Amino acid sequence: MPDDAVAKLSKPAPKFELQSFDATMEDSNAKLSFAAKNVSKNDGRFLAALYWPTDEMYDDDESTIIERSVEAGGAVEWSKEFGTEYTTRTVTARIDGGVTGTAKVDVEE
């Protein structure tokens, strides 16, 4: 194995902190967005799954994988709109992986 590969593998993994996680309604869609910061001294990979529940479809929550290369001290910013045709009430989205958190949004019926 080349020396540079060994050096990369021996570095500690980066550490991320969730800076924000928001859910808002825009027209008939829910817009989810988050920001996370690499608070370590190492470059590395951010990897997380974002889950959007669909309570009117049996066992079919929507998940989105977010993967980015992030420099030491850098940040990940992400947003996406989700349709609300299969959701009612207050919905709790969650993110798990490099960071963990929840965001709630009221979806009109």
PDB file of N, CA and C in Angstrom:
ATOM      1  N   MET A   1       0.857  -1.169   0.000  1.00  0.00           N
ATOM      2  CA  MET A   1       0.000   0.000   0.000  1.00  0.00           C
ATOM      3  C   MET A   1       0.911   1.243   0.000  1.00  0.00           C
ATOM      4  N   PRO A   2       0.635   2.226  -0.866  1.00  0.00           N
ATOM      5  CA  PRO A   2       1.457   3.440  -0.903  1.00  0.00           C
ATOM      6  C   PRO A   2       1.400   4.206   0.420  1.00  0.00           C
ATOM      7  N   ASP A   3       2.502   4.905   0.731  1.00  0.00           N
ATOM      8  CA  ASP A   3       2.595   5.644   1.993  1.00  0.00           C
ATOM      9  C   ASP A   3       1.499   6.690   2.147  1.00  0.00           C
ATOM     10  N   ASP A   4       1.092   7.377   1.045  1.00  0.00           N
ATOM     11  CA  ASP A   4       0.048   8.400   1.159  1.00  0.00           C
ATOM     12  C   ASP A   4      -1.303   7.796   1.526  1.00  0.00           C
ATOM     13  N   ALA A   5      -1.583   6.575   1.054  1.00  0.00           N
ATOM     14  CA  ALA A   5      -2.830   5.896   1.417  1.00  0.00           C
ATOM     15  C   ALA A   5      -2.830   5.539   2.895  1.00  0.00           C
ATOM     16  N   VAL A   6      -1.700   5.070   3.400  1.00  0.00           N
ATOM     17  CA  VAL A   6      -1.591   4.730   4.819  1.00  0.00           C
ATOM     18  C   VAL A   6      -1.771   5.981   5.662  1.00  0.00           C
ATOM     19  N   ALA A   7      -1.179   7.087   5.236  1.00  0.00           N
ATOM     20  CA  ALA A   7      -1.312   8.347   5.977  1.00  0.00           C
ATOM     21  C   ALA A   7      -2.766   8.797   6.027  1.00  0.00           C
ATOM     22  N   LYS A   8      -3.500   8.675   4.914  1.00  0.00           N
ATOM     23  CA  LYS A   8      -4.916   9.072   4.886  1.00  0.00           C
ATOM     24  C   LYS A   8      -5.750   8.196   5.818  1.00  0.00           C
ATOM     25  N   LEU A   9      -5.474   6.887   5.810  1.00  0.00           N
ATOM     26  CA  LEU A   9      -6.250   5.963   6.636  1.00  0.00           C
ATOM     27  C   LEU A   9      -5.952   6.119   8.126  1.00  0.00           C
ATOM     28  N   SER A  10      -4.784   6.615   8.455  1.00  0.00           N
ATOM     29  CA  SER A  10      -4.427   6.737   9.868  1.00  0.00           C
ATOM     30  C   SER A  10      -4.904   8.042  10.502  1.00  0.00           C
ATOM     31  N   LYS A  11      -5.406   8.981   9.702  1.00  0.00           N
ATOM     32  CA  LYS A  11      -5.914  10.240  10.262  1.00  0.00           C
ATOM     33  C   LYS A  11      -7.235  10.004  10.994  1.00  0.00           C
ATOM     34  N   PRO A  12      -7.468  10.723  12.078  1.00  0.00           N
ATOM     35  CA  PRO A  12      -8.770  10.608  12.754  1.00  0.00           C
ATOM     36  C   PRO A  12      -9.904  11.095  11.830  1.00  0.00           C
ATOM     37  N   ALA A  13     -11.064  10.530  12.011  1.00  0.00           N
ATOM     38  CA  ALA A  13     -12.228  10.949  11.226  1.00  0.00           C
ATOM     39  C   ALA A  13     -12.616  12.380  11.595  1.00  0.00           C
ATOM     40  N   PRO A  14     -13.164  13.134  10.652  1.00  0.00           N
ATOM     41  CA  PRO A  14     -13.607  14.487  10.984  1.00  0.00           C
ATOM     42  C   PRO A  14     -14.827  14.453  11.905  1.00  0.00           C
ATOM     43  N   LYS A  15     -15.049  15.533  12.614  1.00  0.00           N
ATOM     44  CA  LYS A  15     -16.208  15.649  13.492  1.00  0.00           C
ATOM     45  C   LYS A  15     -17.067  16.803  12.982  1.00  0.00           C
ATOM     46  N   PHE A  16     -18.372  16.558  12.871  1.00  0.00           N
ATOM     47  CA  PHE A  16     -19.304  17.561  12.372  1.00  0.00           C
ATOM     48  C   PHE A  16     -20.284  17.973  13.460  1.00  0.00           C
ATOM     49  N   GLU A  17     -20.658  19.251  13.443  1.00  0.00           N
ATOM     50  CA  GLU A  17     -21.697  19.774  14.330  1.00  0.00           C
ATOM     51  C   GLU A  17     -22.806  20.367  13.482  1.00  0.00           C
ATOM     52  N   LEU A  18     -24.044  20.054  13.860  1.00  0.00           N
ATOM     53  CA  LEU A  18     -25.206  20.603  13.174  1.00  0.00           C
ATOM     54  C   LEU A  18     -25.352  22.081  13.544  1.00  0.00           C
ATOM     55  N   GLN A  19     -25.343  22.955  12.555  1.00  0.00           N
ATOM     56  CA  GLN A  19     -25.484  24.386  12.777  1.00  0.00           C
ATOM     57  C   GLN A  19     -26.952  24.813  12.699  1.00  0.00           C
ATOM     58  N   SER A  20     -27.702  24.192  11.774  1.00  0.00           N
ATOM     59  CA  SER A  20     -29.135  24.495  11.645  1.00  0.00           C
ATOM     60  C   SER A  20     -29.821  23.350  10.915  1.00  0.00           C
ATOM     61  N   PHE A  21     -31.111  23.183  11.195  1.00  0.00           N
ATOM     62  CA  PHE A  21     -31.951  22.211  10.490  1.00  0.00           C
ATOM     63  C   PHE A  21     -33.354  22.787  10.509  1.00  0.00           C
ATOM     64  N   ASP A  22     -33.847  23.187   9.346  1.00  0.00           N
ATOM     65  CA  ASP A  22     -35.128  23.891   9.255  1.00  0.00           C
ATOM     66  C   ASP A  22     -36.069  23.198   8.282  1.00  0.00           C
ATOM     67  N   ALA A  23     -37.360  23.331   8.569  1.00  0.00           N
ATOM     68  CA  ALA A  23     -38.411  22.830   7.688  1.00  0.00           C
ATOM     69  C   ALA A  23     -39.455  23.923   7.566  1.00  0.00           C
ATOM     70  N   THR A  24     -39.756  24.339   6.339  1.00  0.00           N
ATOM     71  CA  THR A  24     -40.755  25.382   6.087  1.00  0.00           C
ATOM     72  C   THR A  24     -41.659  24.946   4.944  1.00  0.00           C
ATOM     73  N   MET A  25     -42.857  25.483   4.909  1.00  0.00           N
ATOM     74  CA  MET A  25     -43.779  25.222   3.805  1.00  0.00           C
ATOM     75  C   MET A  25     -43.596  26.300   2.738  1.00  0.00           C
ATOM     76  N   GLU A  26     -43.489  25.859   1.489  1.00  0.00           N
ATOM     77  CA  GLU A  26     -43.427  26.752   0.342  1.00  0.00           C
ATOM     78  C   GLU A  26     -44.421  26.224  -0.668  1.00  0.00           C
ATOM     79  N   ASP A  27     -45.526  26.961  -0.837  1.00  0.00           N
ATOM     80  CA  ASP A  27     -46.655  26.492  -1.644  1.00  0.00           C
ATOM     81  C   ASP A  27     -47.150  25.181  -1.052  1.00  0.00           C
ATOM     82  N   SER A  28     -47.165  24.104  -1.810  1.00  0.00           N
ATOM     83  CA  SER A  28     -47.635  22.828  -1.258  1.00  0.00           C
ATOM     84  C   SER A  28     -46.482  21.868  -0.984  1.00  0.00           C
ATOM     85  N   ASN A  29     -45.265  22.381  -0.945  1.00  0.00           N
ATOM     86  CA  ASN A  29     -44.094  21.556  -0.662  1.00  0.00           C
ATOM     87  C   ASN A  29     -43.452  21.964   0.649  1.00  0.00           C
ATOM     88  N   ALA A  30     -42.781  21.013   1.271  1.00  0.00           N
ATOM     89  CA  ALA A  30     -41.991  21.302   2.464  1.00  0.00           C
ATOM     90  C   ALA A  30     -40.536  21.431   2.027  1.00  0.00           C
ATOM     91  N   LYS A  31     -39.915  22.519   2.429  1.00  0.00           N
ATOM     92  CA  LYS A  31     -38.503  22.719   2.109  1.00  0.00           C
ATOM     93  C   LYS A  31     -37.684  22.407   3.357  1.00  0.00           C
ATOM     94  N   LEU A  32     -36.789  21.435   3.233  1.00  0.00           N
ATOM     95  CA  LEU A  32     -35.901  21.071   4.330  1.00  0.00           C
ATOM     96  C   LEU A  32     -34.501  21.570   3.989  1.00  0.00           C
ATOM     97  N   SER A  33     -33.840  22.130   4.987  1.00  0.00           N
ATOM     98  CA  SER A  33     -32.472  22.590   4.778  1.00  0.00           C
ATOM     99  C   SER A  33     -31.678  22.423   6.064  1.00  0.00           C
ATOM    100  N   PHE A  34     -30.393  22.163   5.896  1.00  0.00           N
ATOM    101  CA  PHE A  34     -29.535  22.070   7.067  1.00  0.00           C
ATOM    102  C   PHE A  34     -28.140  22.556   6.708  1.00  0.00           C
ATOM    103  N   ALA A  35     -27.404  22.903   7.751  1.00  0.00           N
ATOM    104  CA  ALA A  35     -25.992  23.256   7.627  1.00  0.00           C
ATOM    105  C   ALA A  35     -25.246  22.542   8.738  1.00  0.00           C
ATOM    106  N   ALA A  36     -24.099  21.988   8.400  1.00  0.00           N
ATOM    107  CA  ALA A  36     -23.238  21.318   9.371  1.00  0.00           C
ATOM    108  C   ALA A  36     -21.805  21.769   9.122  1.00  0.00           C
ATOM    109  N   LYS A  37     -21.048  21.906  10.203  1.00  0.00           N
ATOM    110  CA  LYS A  37     -19.678  22.378  10.103  1.00  0.00           C
ATOM    111  C   LYS A  37     -18.701  21.288  10.527  1.00  0.00           C
ATOM    112  N   ASN A  38     -17.613  21.174   9.785  1.00  0.00           N
ATOM    113  CA  ASN A  38     -16.524  20.266  10.146  1.00  0.00           C
ATOM    114  C   ASN A  38     -15.693  20.995  11.198  1.00  0.00           C
ATOM    115  N   VAL A  39     -15.813  20.592  12.448  1.00  0.00           N
ATOM    116  CA  VAL A  39     -15.148  21.279  13.558  1.00  0.00           C
ATOM    117  C   VAL A  39     -13.807  20.633  13.916  1.00  0.00           C
ATOM    118  N   SER A  40     -13.346  19.729  13.074  1.00  0.00           N
ATOM    119  CA  SER A  40     -12.068  19.076  13.339  1.00  0.00           C
ATOM    120  C   SER A  40     -10.961  19.717  12.496  1.00  0.00           C
ATOM    121  N   LYS A  41      -9.747  19.248  12.709  1.00  0.00           N
ATOM    122  CA  LYS A  41      -8.590  19.739  11.959  1.00  0.00           C
ATOM    123  C   LYS A  41      -8.296  18.857  10.746  1.00  0.00           C
ATOM    124  N   ASN A  42      -9.233  17.952  10.432  1.00  0.00           N
ATOM    125  CA  ASN A  42      -9.024  17.003   9.333  1.00  0.00           C
ATOM    126  C   ASN A  42     -10.061  17.187   8.235  1.00  0.00           C
ATOM    127  N   ASP A  43      -9.603  17.135   6.990  1.00  0.00           N
ATOM    128  CA  ASP A  43     -10.520  17.055   5.863  1.00  0.00           C
ATOM    129  C   ASP A  43     -11.205  15.693   5.952  1.00  0.00           C
ATOM    130  N   GLY A  44     -12.374  15.584   5.361  1.00  0.00           N
ATOM    131  CA  GLY A  44     -13.015  14.281   5.386  1.00  0.00           C
ATOM    132  C   GLY A  44     -14.352  14.271   4.687  1.00  0.00           C
ATOM    133  N   ARG A  45     -15.077  13.201   4.886  1.00  0.00           N
ATOM    134  CA  ARG A  45     -16.348  12.972   4.211  1.00  0.00           C
ATOM    135  C   ARG A  45     -17.495  13.115   5.192  1.00  0.00           C
ATOM    136  N   PHE A  46     -18.492  13.897   4.789  1.00  0.00           N
ATOM    137  CA  PHE A  46     -19.743  14.007   5.531  1.00  0.00           C
ATOM    138  C   PHE A  46     -20.715  13.021   4.904  1.00  0.00           C
ATOM    139  N   LEU A  47     -21.370  12.216   5.734  1.00  0.00           N
ATOM    140  CA  LEU A  47     -22.335  11.236   5.246  1.00  0.00           C
ATOM    141  C   LEU A  47     -23.496  11.178   6.222  1.00  0.00           C
ATOM    142  N   ALA A  48     -24.704  11.381   5.713  1.00  0.00           N
ATOM    143  CA  ALA A  48     -25.907  11.318   6.556  1.00  0.00           C
ATOM    144  C   ALA A  48     -27.102  10.937   5.682  1.00  0.00           C
ATOM    145  N   ALA A  49     -28.158  10.475   6.340  1.00  0.00           N
ATOM    146  CA  ALA A  49     -29.424  10.187   5.670  1.00  0.00           C
ATOM    147  C   ALA A  49     -30.481  11.107   6.256  1.00  0.00           C
ATOM    148  N   LEU A  50     -31.269  11.706   5.376  1.00  0.00           N
ATOM    149  CA  LEU A  50     -32.377  12.547   5.800  1.00  0.00           C
ATOM    150  C   LEU A  50     -33.667  11.791   5.518  1.00  0.00           C
ATOM    151  N   TYR A  51     -34.528  11.694   6.527  1.00  0.00           N
ATOM    152  CA  TYR A  51     -35.775  10.931   6.415  1.00  0.00           C
ATOM    153  C   TYR A  51     -36.977  11.871   6.438  1.00  0.00           C
ATOM    154  N   TRP A  52     -37.829  11.761   5.407  1.00  0.00           N
ATOM    155  CA  TRP A  52     -39.076  12.509   5.306  1.00  0.00           C
ATOM    156  C   TRP A  52     -40.210  11.503   5.413  1.00  0.00           C
ATOM    157  N   PRO A  53     -41.009  11.554   6.497  1.00  0.00           N
ATOM    158  CA  PRO A  53     -42.069  10.561   6.682  1.00  0.00           C
ATOM    159  C   PRO A  53     -43.249  10.776   5.733  1.00  0.00           C
ATOM    160  N   THR A  54     -43.810   9.677   5.267  1.00  0.00           N
ATOM    161  CA  THR A  54     -45.017   9.713   4.432  1.00  0.00           C
ATOM    162  C   THR A  54     -46.062   8.857   5.121  1.00  0.00           C
ATOM    163  N   ASP A  55     -46.839   9.470   6.004  1.00  0.00           N
ATOM    164  CA  ASP A  55     -47.756   8.715   6.859  1.00  0.00           C
ATOM    165  C   ASP A  55     -48.947   8.113   6.130  1.00  0.00           C
ATOM    166  N   GLU A  56     -49.235   8.543   4.910  1.00  0.00           N
ATOM    167  CA  GLU A  56     -50.380   7.976   4.203  1.00  0.00           C
ATOM    168  C   GLU A  56     -49.982   6.858   3.246  1.00  0.00           C
ATOM    169  N   MET A  57     -48.704   6.509   3.219  1.00  0.00           N
ATOM    170  CA  MET A  57     -48.238   5.368   2.425  1.00  0.00           C
ATOM    171  C   MET A  57     -47.580   4.407   3.398  1.00  0.00           C
ATOM    172  N   TYR A  58     -48.088   3.215   3.489  1.00  0.00           N
ATOM    173  CA  TYR A  58     -47.595   2.237   4.450  1.00  0.00           C
ATOM    174  C   TYR A  58     -46.111   1.948   4.228  1.00  0.00           C
ATOM    175  N   ASP A  59     -45.315   2.143   5.278  1.00  0.00           N
ATOM    176  CA  ASP A  59     -43.908   1.752   5.303  1.00  0.00           C
ATOM    177  C   ASP A  59     -43.113   2.267   4.101  1.00  0.00           C
ATOM    178  N   ASP A  60     -43.323   3.544   3.746  1.00  0.00           N
ATOM    179  CA  ASP A  60     -42.637   4.085   2.580  1.00  0.00           C
ATOM    180  C   ASP A  60     -42.101   5.483   2.849  1.00  0.00           C
ATOM    181  N   ASP A  61     -41.423   5.667   3.978  1.00  0.00           N
ATOM    182  CA  ASP A  61     -40.806   6.957   4.238  1.00  0.00           C
ATOM    183  C   ASP A  61     -39.743   7.214   3.182  1.00  0.00           C
ATOM    184  N   GLU A  62     -39.599   8.467   2.835  1.00  0.00           N
ATOM    185  CA  GLU A  62     -38.610   8.845   1.827  1.00  0.00           C
ATOM    186  C   GLU A  62     -37.280   9.135   2.516  1.00  0.00           C
ATOM    187  N   SER A  63     -36.201   8.630   1.957  1.00  0.00           N
ATOM    188  CA  SER A  63     -34.887   8.921   2.519  1.00  0.00           C
ATOM    189  C   SER A  63     -33.975   9.470   1.427  1.00  0.00           C
ATOM    190  N   THR A  64     -33.103  10.355   1.832  1.00  0.00           N
ATOM    191  CA  THR A  64     -32.150  10.978   0.928  1.00  0.00           C
ATOM    192  C   THR A  64     -30.772  10.881   1.562  1.00  0.00           C
ATOM    193  N   ILE A  65     -29.806  10.396   0.805  1.00  0.00           N
ATOM    194  CA  ILE A  65     -28.430  10.290   1.288  1.00  0.00           C
ATOM    195  C   ILE A  65     -27.684  11.556   0.879  1.00  0.00           C
ATOM    196  N   ILE A  66     -26.997  12.156   1.849  1.00  0.00           N
ATOM    197  CA  ILE A  66     -26.189  13.347   1.594  1.00  0.00           C
ATOM    198  C   ILE A  66     -24.735  12.978   1.863  1.00  0.00           C
ATOM    199  N   GLU A  67     -23.905  13.140   0.849  1.00  0.00           N
ATOM    200  CA  GLU A  67     -22.488  12.806   0.974  1.00  0.00           C
ATOM    201  C   GLU A  67     -21.682  13.923   0.321  1.00  0.00           C
ATOM    202  N   ARG A  68     -20.743  14.461   1.079  1.00  0.00           N
ATOM    203  CA  ARG A  68     -19.900  15.555   0.581  1.00  0.00           C
ATOM    204  C   ARG A  68     -18.490  15.424   1.151  1.00  0.00           C
ATOM    205  N   SER A  69     -17.498  15.852   0.382  1.00  0.00           N
ATOM    206  CA  SER A  69     -16.143  16.025   0.896  1.00  0.00           C
ATOM    207  C   SER A  69     -16.077  17.413   1.507  1.00  0.00           C
ATOM    208  N   VAL A  70     -15.545  17.500   2.726  1.00  0.00           N
ATOM    209  CA  VAL A  70     -15.525  18.779   3.450  1.00  0.00           C
ATOM    210  C   VAL A  70     -14.133  19.008   4.021  1.00  0.00           C
ATOM    211  N   GLU A  71     -13.581  20.181   3.748  1.00  0.00           N
ATOM    212  CA  GLU A  71     -12.280  20.543   4.293  1.00  0.00           C
ATOM    213  C   GLU A  71     -12.388  20.798   5.791  1.00  0.00           C
ATOM    214  N   ALA A  72     -11.261  20.711   6.481  1.00  0.00           N
ATOM    215  CA  ALA A  72     -11.214  21.058   7.903  1.00  0.00           C
ATOM    216  C   ALA A  72     -11.720  22.485   8.074  1.00  0.00           C
ATOM    217  N   GLY A  73     -12.658  22.687   8.989  1.00  0.00           N
ATOM    218  CA  GLY A  73     -13.241  24.006   9.223  1.00  0.00           C
ATOM    219  C   GLY A  73     -14.303  24.394   8.214  1.00  0.00           C
ATOM    220  N   GLY A  74     -14.534  23.568   7.201  1.00  0.00           N
ATOM    221  CA  GLY A  74     -15.525  23.854   6.169  1.00  0.00           C
ATOM    222  C   GLY A  74     -16.930  23.471   6.601  1.00  0.00           C
ATOM    223  N   ALA A  75     -17.886  23.696   5.720  1.00  0.00           N
ATOM    224  CA  ALA A  75     -19.287  23.433   6.049  1.00  0.00           C
ATOM    225  C   ALA A  75     -20.002  22.730   4.898  1.00  0.00           C
ATOM    226  N   VAL A  76     -21.070  22.050   5.249  1.00  0.00           N
ATOM    227  CA  VAL A  76     -21.992  21.429   4.304  1.00  0.00           C
ATOM    228  C   VAL A  76     -23.295  22.197   4.414  1.00  0.00           C
ATOM    229  N   GLU A  77     -23.828  22.659   3.285  1.00  0.00           N
ATOM    230  CA  GLU A  77     -25.161  23.271   3.254  1.00  0.00           C
ATOM    231  C   GLU A  77     -25.978  22.492   2.232  1.00  0.00           C
ATOM    232  N   TRP A  78     -27.223  22.173   2.593  1.00  0.00           N
ATOM    233  CA  TRP A  78     -28.049  21.323   1.752  1.00  0.00           C
ATOM    234  C   TRP A  78     -29.504  21.748   1.892  1.00  0.00           C
ATOM    235  N   SER A  79     -30.270  21.647   0.794  1.00  0.00           N
ATOM    236  CA  SER A  79     -31.720  21.879   0.870  1.00  0.00           C
ATOM    237  C   SER A  79     -32.412  21.106  -0.247  1.00  0.00           C
ATOM    238  N   LYS A  80     -33.660  20.770   0.013  1.00  0.00           N
ATOM    239  CA  LYS A  80     -34.471  20.047  -0.963  1.00  0.00           C
ATOM    240  C   LYS A  80     -35.941  20.243  -0.609  1.00  0.00           C
ATOM    241  N   GLU A  81     -36.778  20.298  -1.626  1.00  0.00           N
ATOM    242  CA  GLU A  81     -38.225  20.365  -1.407  1.00  0.00           C
ATOM    243  C   GLU A  81     -38.814  18.966  -1.513  1.00  0.00           C
ATOM    244  N   PHE A  82     -39.769  18.692  -0.622  1.00  0.00           N
ATOM    245  CA  PHE A  82     -40.462  17.411  -0.599  1.00  0.00           C
ATOM    246  C   PHE A  82     -41.949  17.650  -0.802  1.00  0.00           C
ATOM    247  N   GLY A  83     -42.580  16.832  -1.627  1.00  0.00           N
ATOM    248  CA  GLY A  83     -44.014  16.909  -1.819  1.00  0.00           C
ATOM    249  C   GLY A  83     -44.748  16.483  -0.556  1.00  0.00           C
ATOM    250  N   THR A  84     -45.901  17.076  -0.327  1.00  0.00           N
ATOM    251  CA  THR A  84     -46.654  16.782   0.892  1.00  0.00           C
ATOM    252  C   THR A  84     -47.953  16.029   0.615  1.00  0.00           C
ATOM    253  N   GLU A  85     -48.105  15.484  -0.600  1.00  0.00           N
ATOM    254  CA  GLU A  85     -49.359  14.814  -0.935  1.00  0.00           C
ATOM    255  C   GLU A  85     -49.615  13.564  -0.101  1.00  0.00           C
ATOM    256  N   TYR A  86     -48.592  12.973   0.496  1.00  0.00           N
ATOM    257  CA  TYR A  86     -48.768  11.774   1.309  1.00  0.00           C
ATOM    258  C   TYR A  86     -48.526  12.035   2.789  1.00  0.00           C
ATOM    259  N   THR A  87     -48.605  13.296   3.179  1.00  0.00           N
ATOM    260  CA  THR A  87     -48.393  13.648   4.575  1.00  0.00           C
ATOM    261  C   THR A  87     -49.505  14.566   5.052  1.00  0.00           C
ATOM    262  N   THR A  88     -49.824  14.455   6.307  1.00  0.00           N
ATOM    263  CA  THR A  88     -50.802  15.345   6.944  1.00  0.00           C
ATOM    264  C   THR A  88     -50.289  15.656   8.340  1.00  0.00           C
ATOM    265  N   ARG A  89     -50.872  16.642   8.958  1.00  0.00           N
ATOM    266  CA  ARG A  89     -50.564  17.023  10.337  1.00  0.00           C
ATOM    267  C   ARG A  89     -49.194  17.672  10.451  1.00  0.00           C
ATOM    268  N   THR A  90     -48.598  17.599  11.647  1.00  0.00           N
ATOM    269  CA  THR A  90     -47.235  18.061  11.866  1.00  0.00           C
ATOM    270  C   THR A  90     -46.290  16.909  11.554  1.00  0.00           C
ATOM    271  N   VAL A  91     -45.340  17.165  10.701  1.00  0.00           N
ATOM    272  CA  VAL A  91     -44.406  16.133  10.256  1.00  0.00           C
ATOM    273  C   VAL A  91     -43.038  16.408  10.878  1.00  0.00           C
ATOM    274  N   THR A  92     -42.401  15.356  11.351  1.00  0.00           N
ATOM    275  CA  THR A  92     -41.048  15.466  11.897  1.00  0.00           C
ATOM    276  C   THR A  92     -40.084  14.766  10.962  1.00  0.00           C
ATOM    277  N   ALA A  93     -39.220  15.554  10.331  1.00  0.00           N
ATOM    278  CA  ALA A  93     -38.143  15.005   9.513  1.00  0.00           C
ATOM    279  C   ALA A  93     -36.937  14.806  10.418  1.00  0.00           C
ATOM    280  N   ARG A  94     -36.070  13.883  10.035  1.00  0.00           N
ATOM    281  CA  ARG A  94     -34.881  13.675  10.861  1.00  0.00           C
ATOM    282  C   ARG A  94     -33.660  13.426   9.984  1.00  0.00           C
ATOM    283  N   ILE A  95     -32.517  13.748  10.554  1.00  0.00           N
ATOM    284  CA  ILE A  95     -31.246  13.490   9.894  1.00  0.00           C
ATOM    285  C   ILE A  95     -30.390  12.669  10.849  1.00  0.00           C
ATOM    286  N   ASP A  96     -29.764  11.619  10.311  1.00  0.00           N
ATOM    287  CA  ASP A  96     -28.911  10.725  11.102  1.00  0.00           C
ATOM    288  C   ASP A  96     -27.645  10.426  10.321  1.00  0.00           C
ATOM    289  N   GLY A  97     -26.536  10.414  11.006  1.00  0.00           N
ATOM    290  CA  GLY A  97     -25.262  10.088  10.367  1.00  0.00           C
ATOM    291  C   GLY A  97     -24.182  10.987  10.921  1.00  0.00           C
ATOM    292  N   GLY A  98     -23.554  11.769  10.033  1.00  0.00           N
ATOM    293  CA  GLY A  98     -22.516  12.696  10.451  1.00  0.00           C
ATOM    294  C   GLY A  98     -22.998  13.676  11.496  1.00  0.00           C
ATOM    295  N   VAL A  99     -24.282  13.993  11.469  1.00  0.00           N
ATOM    296  CA  VAL A  99     -24.961  14.789  12.499  1.00  0.00           C
ATOM    297  C   VAL A  99     -26.329  14.164  12.731  1.00  0.00           C
ATOM    298  N   THR A 100     -26.955  14.526  13.836  1.00  0.00           N
ATOM    299  CA  THR A 100     -28.282  14.015  14.165  1.00  0.00           C
ATOM    300  C   THR A 100     -29.172  15.175  14.574  1.00  0.00           C
ATOM    301  N   GLY A 101     -30.414  15.174  14.101  1.00  0.00           N
ATOM    302  CA  GLY A 101     -31.346  16.220  14.494  1.00  0.00           C
ATOM    303  C   GLY A 101     -32.717  15.980  13.901  1.00  0.00           C
ATOM    304  N   THR A 102     -33.686  16.797  14.336  1.00  0.00           N
ATOM    305  CA  THR A 102     -35.052  16.740  13.823  1.00  0.00           C
ATOM    306  C   THR A 102     -35.525  18.144  13.494  1.00  0.00           C
ATOM    307  N   ALA A 103     -36.489  18.202  12.582  1.00  0.00           N
ATOM    308  CA  ALA A 103     -37.140  19.470  12.234  1.00  0.00           C
ATOM    309  C   ALA A 103     -38.607  19.174  11.982  1.00  0.00           C
ATOM    310  N   LYS A 104     -39.484  20.043  12.486  1.00  0.00           N
ATOM    311  CA  LYS A 104     -40.928  19.837  12.349  1.00  0.00           C
ATOM    312  C   LYS A 104     -41.524  20.904  11.451  1.00  0.00           C
ATOM    313  N   VAL A 105     -42.560  20.488  10.708  1.00  0.00           N
ATOM    314  CA  VAL A 105     -43.296  21.416   9.853  1.00  0.00           C
ATOM    315  C   VAL A 105     -44.756  21.015   9.874  1.00  0.00           C
ATOM    316  N   ASP A 106     -45.656  22.012   9.946  1.00  0.00           N
ATOM    317  CA  ASP A 106     -47.099  21.770   9.885  1.00  0.00           C
ATOM    318  C   ASP A 106     -47.524  21.690   8.436  1.00  0.00           C
ATOM    319  N   VAL A 107     -48.091  20.550   8.058  1.00  0.00           N
ATOM    320  CA  VAL A 107     -48.560  20.323   6.696  1.00  0.00           C
ATOM    321  C   VAL A 107     -50.063  20.442   6.707  1.00  0.00           C
ATOM    322  N   GLU A 108     -50.597  21.303   5.838  1.00  0.00           N
ATOM    323  CA  GLU A 108     -52.063  21.465   5.773  1.00  0.00           C
ATOM    324  C   GLU A 108     -52.674  20.249   5.105  1.00  0.00           C
ATOM    325  N   GLU A 109     -53.860  19.879   5.583  1.00  0.00           N
ATOM    326  CA  GLU A 109     -54.554  18.736   4.997  1.00  0.00           C
ATOM    327  C   GLU A 109     -55.250  19.142   3.718  1.00  0.00           C
TER     328      GLU A 109
END
